[in-house]
Amino acid sequence: MTTLYHFEDFKVGQRFGFGGYEVTKDEIVAFAQEFDPQPHHLYEEAGRHSILGGLAASGWHVCAMSMRMFADQFANQTASRGGVGVEECRWMKPVRPGDVLHIEMEVEEIRILKSMPDAGIVKLRWNIFNQREQVASLTLLPIVNKRGT
């Protein structure tokens, strides 16, 4: 059995890193066709004439790719009960075909839930980078079980 992170295992200031998600043009276009069909996410020419300066992933697609990395490489090794939401989401730079994304994550706050004394909120800040620079950030509020629950 895989060792799980529990609420007690998290400390404010603790850092984790994971990722290695390669973005493809086909994936950018497919996501846009399904969920965010704006021209700058669908067509290279439209992207060149937008503030993005070329074909770029939807910000929502960046969130989805980041969630995939988080689930595969971290959350599924956590005694998670889900979450209560995202406090902040920022898209800073375009994510383009060929970019390889990774996340640097920091624990910003931990607190017990009065309504669930056997679990707590672990406030996590994701800083999302491609191979050159930061492209996005999110602040998440997952609920994590205490050990023994």
C-alpha atoms as a PDB file:
ATOM      1  CA  MET A   1       0.000   0.000   0.000  1.00  0.00           C
ATOM      2  CA  THR A   2       1.167   3.532  -0.790  1.00  0.00           C
ATOM      3  CA  THR A   3       1.939   5.790   2.160  1.00  0.00           C
ATOM      4  CA  LEU A   4      -0.594   8.632   2.327  1.00  0.00           C
ATOM      5  CA  TYR A   5      -0.075  12.212   3.427  1.00  0.00           C
ATOM      6  CA  HIS A   6      -2.492  13.078   6.233  1.00  0.00           C
ATOM      7  CA  PHE A   7      -3.416  16.447   7.689  1.00  0.00           C
ATOM      8  CA  GLU A   8      -0.714  16.152  10.387  1.00  0.00           C
ATOM      9  CA  ASP A   9       1.986  15.706   7.720  1.00  0.00           C
ATOM     10  CA  PHE A  10       1.580  19.240   6.366  1.00  0.00           C
ATOM     11  CA  LYS A  11       3.421  22.290   7.710  1.00  0.00           C
ATOM     12  CA  VAL A  12       3.123  25.933   6.644  1.00  0.00           C
ATOM     13  CA  GLY A  13       5.969  26.745   4.279  1.00  0.00           C
ATOM     14  CA  GLN A  14       6.425  23.138   3.158  1.00  0.00           C
ATOM     15  CA  ARG A  15       7.186  22.858  -0.568  1.00  0.00           C
ATOM     16  CA  PHE A  16       6.599  20.167  -3.167  1.00  0.00           C
ATOM     17  CA  GLY A  17       7.409  20.001  -6.873  1.00  0.00           C
ATOM     18  CA  PHE A  18       6.003  17.826  -9.614  1.00  0.00           C
ATOM     19  CA  GLY A  19       5.110  17.842 -13.257  1.00  0.00           C
ATOM     20  CA  GLY A  20       6.505  17.231 -16.670  1.00  0.00           C
ATOM     21  CA  TYR A  21       3.282  17.658 -18.688  1.00  0.00           C
ATOM     22  CA  GLU A  22       4.003  18.311 -22.384  1.00  0.00           C
ATOM     23  CA  VAL A  23       1.377  20.461 -24.123  1.00  0.00           C
ATOM     24  CA  THR A  24       0.457  19.622 -27.723  1.00  0.00           C
ATOM     25  CA  LYS A  25      -1.222  21.667 -30.432  1.00  0.00           C
ATOM     26  CA  ASP A  26      -3.831  18.944 -30.979  1.00  0.00           C
ATOM     27  CA  GLU A  27      -4.715  18.952 -27.262  1.00  0.00           C
ATOM     28  CA  ILE A  28      -5.001  22.764 -27.174  1.00  0.00           C
ATOM     29  CA  VAL A  29      -7.371  22.757 -30.139  1.00  0.00           C
ATOM     30  CA  ALA A  30      -9.408  19.763 -28.903  1.00  0.00           C
ATOM     31  CA  PHE A  31      -9.910  21.324 -25.465  1.00  0.00           C
ATOM     32  CA  ALA A  32     -10.881  24.655 -27.052  1.00  0.00           C
ATOM     33  CA  GLN A  33     -13.347  23.016 -29.438  1.00  0.00           C
ATOM     34  CA  GLU A  34     -15.056  21.292 -26.517  1.00  0.00           C
ATOM     35  CA  PHE A  35     -14.885  23.877 -23.719  1.00  0.00           C
ATOM     36  CA  ASP A  36     -13.512  27.296 -24.779  1.00  0.00           C
ATOM     37  CA  PRO A  37     -14.090  27.818 -28.521  1.00  0.00           C
ATOM     38  CA  GLN A  38     -12.506  31.242 -28.836  1.00  0.00           C
ATOM     39  CA  PRO A  39     -10.548  31.788 -32.065  1.00  0.00           C
ATOM     40  CA  HIS A  40      -7.168  32.408 -30.346  1.00  0.00           C
ATOM     41  CA  HIS A  41      -7.387  28.899 -28.821  1.00  0.00           C
ATOM     42  CA  LEU A  42      -8.501  27.267 -32.084  1.00  0.00           C
ATOM     43  CA  TYR A  43      -6.468  28.853 -34.893  1.00  0.00           C
ATOM     44  CA  GLU A  44      -2.835  29.908 -35.132  1.00  0.00           C
ATOM     45  CA  GLU A  45      -3.641  32.932 -37.309  1.00  0.00           C
ATOM     46  CA  ALA A  46      -6.291  34.204 -34.882  1.00  0.00           C
ATOM     47  CA  GLY A  47      -3.861  33.683 -32.022  1.00  0.00           C
ATOM     48  CA  ARG A  48      -1.193  35.771 -33.794  1.00  0.00           C
ATOM     49  CA  HIS A  49      -3.685  38.647 -34.055  1.00  0.00           C
ATOM     50  CA  SER A  50      -4.682  38.470 -30.385  1.00  0.00           C
ATOM     51  CA  ILE A  51      -2.943  39.674 -27.225  1.00  0.00           C
ATOM     52  CA  LEU A  52      -1.560  36.116 -26.929  1.00  0.00           C
ATOM     53  CA  GLY A  53       0.633  36.506 -30.024  1.00  0.00           C
ATOM     54  CA  GLY A  54       0.016  32.955 -31.215  1.00  0.00           C
ATOM     55  CA  LEU A  55      -1.982  29.815 -30.584  1.00  0.00           C
ATOM     56  CA  ALA A  56      -2.269  29.348 -26.825  1.00  0.00           C
ATOM     57  CA  ALA A  57      -4.058  27.038 -24.430  1.00  0.00           C
ATOM     58  CA  SER A  58      -7.174  28.257 -22.696  1.00  0.00           C
ATOM     59  CA  GLY A  59      -6.536  29.249 -19.088  1.00  0.00           C
ATOM     60  CA  TRP A  60      -9.123  26.635 -18.124  1.00  0.00           C
ATOM     61  CA  HIS A  61      -7.085  24.076 -20.039  1.00  0.00           C
ATOM     62  CA  VAL A  62      -3.991  25.118 -18.060  1.00  0.00           C
ATOM     63  CA  CYS A  63      -6.011  24.500 -14.884  1.00  0.00           C
ATOM     64  CA  ALA A  64      -7.120  21.078 -16.153  1.00  0.00           C
ATOM     65  CA  MET A  65      -3.571  20.039 -17.113  1.00  0.00           C
ATOM     66  CA  SER A  66      -2.328  21.220 -13.717  1.00  0.00           C
ATOM     67  CA  MET A  67      -5.054  19.274 -11.941  1.00  0.00           C
ATOM     68  CA  ARG A  68      -3.994  16.167 -13.849  1.00  0.00           C
ATOM     69  CA  MET A  69      -0.385  16.563 -12.683  1.00  0.00           C
ATOM     70  CA  PHE A  70      -1.557  17.245  -9.116  1.00  0.00           C
ATOM     71  CA  ALA A  71      -3.862  14.194  -9.056  1.00  0.00           C
ATOM     72  CA  ASP A  72      -1.339  11.803 -10.611  1.00  0.00           C
ATOM     73  CA  GLN A  73       1.711  12.935  -8.673  1.00  0.00           C
ATOM     74  CA  PHE A  74       0.354  14.192  -5.346  1.00  0.00           C
ATOM     75  CA  ALA A  75      -3.370  14.223  -4.501  1.00  0.00           C
ATOM     76  CA  ASN A  76      -3.825  10.488  -5.026  1.00  0.00           C
ATOM     77  CA  GLN A  77      -1.179   9.961  -2.338  1.00  0.00           C
ATOM     78  CA  THR A  78      -3.128  12.169   0.104  1.00  0.00           C
ATOM     79  CA  ALA A  79      -5.948  11.218   2.487  1.00  0.00           C
ATOM     80  CA  SER A  80      -8.185  13.662   0.655  1.00  0.00           C
ATOM     81  CA  ARG A  81     -11.910  14.228   1.078  1.00  0.00           C
ATOM     82  CA  GLY A  82     -12.118  16.585  -1.865  1.00  0.00           C
ATOM     83  CA  GLY A  83     -11.998  20.326  -1.470  1.00  0.00           C
ATOM     84  CA  VAL A  84     -13.944  23.500  -0.893  1.00  0.00           C
ATOM     85  CA  GLY A  85     -12.708  25.444  -3.885  1.00  0.00           C
ATOM     86  CA  VAL A  86     -10.109  27.681  -5.424  1.00  0.00           C
ATOM     87  CA  GLU A  87      -9.441  31.067  -3.838  1.00  0.00           C
ATOM     88  CA  GLU A  88      -7.453  32.510  -6.695  1.00  0.00           C
ATOM     89  CA  CYS A  89      -6.571  31.661 -10.265  1.00  0.00           C
ATOM     90  CA  ARG A  90      -4.212  33.758 -12.414  1.00  0.00           C
ATOM     91  CA  TRP A  91      -3.113  33.245 -15.989  1.00  0.00           C
ATOM     92  CA  MET A  92       0.115  35.178 -16.466  1.00  0.00           C
ATOM     93  CA  LYS A  93       1.668  34.038 -19.746  1.00  0.00           C
ATOM     94  CA  PRO A  94       0.440  32.079 -22.763  1.00  0.00           C
ATOM     95  CA  VAL A  95       0.929  28.310 -22.724  1.00  0.00           C
ATOM     96  CA  ARG A  96       1.913  27.121 -26.180  1.00  0.00           C
ATOM     97  CA  PRO A  97       2.362  23.843 -28.029  1.00  0.00           C
ATOM     98  CA  GLY A  98       5.647  22.282 -26.941  1.00  0.00           C
ATOM     99  CA  ASP A  99       5.640  23.815 -23.469  1.00  0.00           C
ATOM    100  CA  VAL A 100       6.375  21.384 -20.656  1.00  0.00           C
ATOM    101  CA  LEU A 101       4.509  22.359 -17.487  1.00  0.00           C
ATOM    102  CA  HIS A 102       5.482  21.732 -13.891  1.00  0.00           C
ATOM    103  CA  ILE A 103       4.149  22.879 -10.519  1.00  0.00           C
ATOM    104  CA  GLU A 104       5.952  24.267  -7.513  1.00  0.00           C
ATOM    105  CA  MET A 105       3.521  23.979  -4.618  1.00  0.00           C
ATOM    106  CA  GLU A 106       3.670  25.535  -1.147  1.00  0.00           C
ATOM    107  CA  VAL A 107       1.524  24.958   1.938  1.00  0.00           C
ATOM    108  CA  GLU A 108       0.238  28.428   2.899  1.00  0.00           C
ATOM    109  CA  GLU A 109      -2.096  27.584   5.781  1.00  0.00           C
ATOM    110  CA  ILE A 110      -3.471  24.628   7.721  1.00  0.00           C
ATOM    111  CA  ARG A 111      -6.579  24.647   9.860  1.00  0.00           C
ATOM    112  CA  ILE A 112      -8.927  22.168  11.496  1.00  0.00           C
ATOM    113  CA  LEU A 113     -12.545  22.296  10.385  1.00  0.00           C
ATOM    114  CA  LYS A 114     -15.030  22.843  13.212  1.00  0.00           C
ATOM    115  CA  SER A 115     -17.638  20.971  11.192  1.00  0.00           C
ATOM    116  CA  MET A 116     -15.237  18.024  10.613  1.00  0.00           C
ATOM    117  CA  PRO A 117     -12.830  17.715  13.569  1.00  0.00           C
ATOM    118  CA  ASP A 118     -11.268  14.612  11.986  1.00  0.00           C
ATOM    119  CA  ALA A 119     -10.034  16.645   8.974  1.00  0.00           C
ATOM    120  CA  GLY A 120      -8.703  20.035   8.017  1.00  0.00           C
ATOM    121  CA  ILE A 121      -8.052  22.455   5.188  1.00  0.00           C
ATOM    122  CA  VAL A 122      -4.548  22.518   3.737  1.00  0.00           C
ATOM    123  CA  LYS A 123      -4.325  25.725   1.710  1.00  0.00           C
ATOM    124  CA  LEU A 124      -2.008  25.094  -1.240  1.00  0.00           C
ATOM    125  CA  ARG A 125      -0.451  27.620  -3.603  1.00  0.00           C
ATOM    126  CA  TRP A 126       0.444  26.258  -7.031  1.00  0.00           C
ATOM    127  CA  ASN A 127       2.941  28.201  -9.111  1.00  0.00           C
ATOM    128  CA  ILE A 128       2.822  26.741 -12.620  1.00  0.00           C
ATOM    129  CA  PHE A 129       5.820  27.074 -14.929  1.00  0.00           C
ATOM    130  CA  ASN A 130       6.775  26.140 -18.440  1.00  0.00           C
ATOM    131  CA  GLN A 131      10.443  25.577 -19.252  1.00  0.00           C
ATOM    132  CA  ARG A 132      11.191  29.334 -19.117  1.00  0.00           C
ATOM    133  CA  GLU A 133       8.849  31.206 -16.791  1.00  0.00           C
ATOM    134  CA  GLN A 134       5.798  31.186 -14.559  1.00  0.00           C
ATOM    135  CA  VAL A 135       2.595  30.936 -16.594  1.00  0.00           C
ATOM    136  CA  ALA A 136      -0.138  30.631 -13.952  1.00  0.00           C
ATOM    137  CA  SER A 137      -0.941  30.333 -10.255  1.00  0.00           C
ATOM    138  CA  LEU A 138      -3.801  28.845  -8.251  1.00  0.00           C
ATOM    139  CA  THR A 139      -4.640  28.727  -4.572  1.00  0.00           C
ATOM    140  CA  LEU A 140      -6.587  25.571  -3.642  1.00  0.00           C
ATOM    141  CA  LEU A 141      -8.403  24.526  -0.474  1.00  0.00           C
ATOM    142  CA  PRO A 142      -8.399  20.724  -0.220  1.00  0.00           C
ATOM    143  CA  ILE A 143      -9.826  18.881   2.790  1.00  0.00           C
ATOM    144  CA  VAL A 144      -7.428  16.274   4.195  1.00  0.00           C
ATOM    145  CA  ASN A 145      -8.241  13.608   6.778  1.00  0.00           C
ATOM    146  CA  LYS A 146      -6.326  13.345  10.030  1.00  0.00           C
ATOM    147  CA  ARG A 147      -4.426  10.129  10.597  1.00  0.00           C
ATOM    148  CA  GLY A 148      -6.600   7.310  11.940  1.00  0.00           C
ATOM    149  CA  THR A 149      -9.846   8.504  10.333  1.00  0.00           C
END
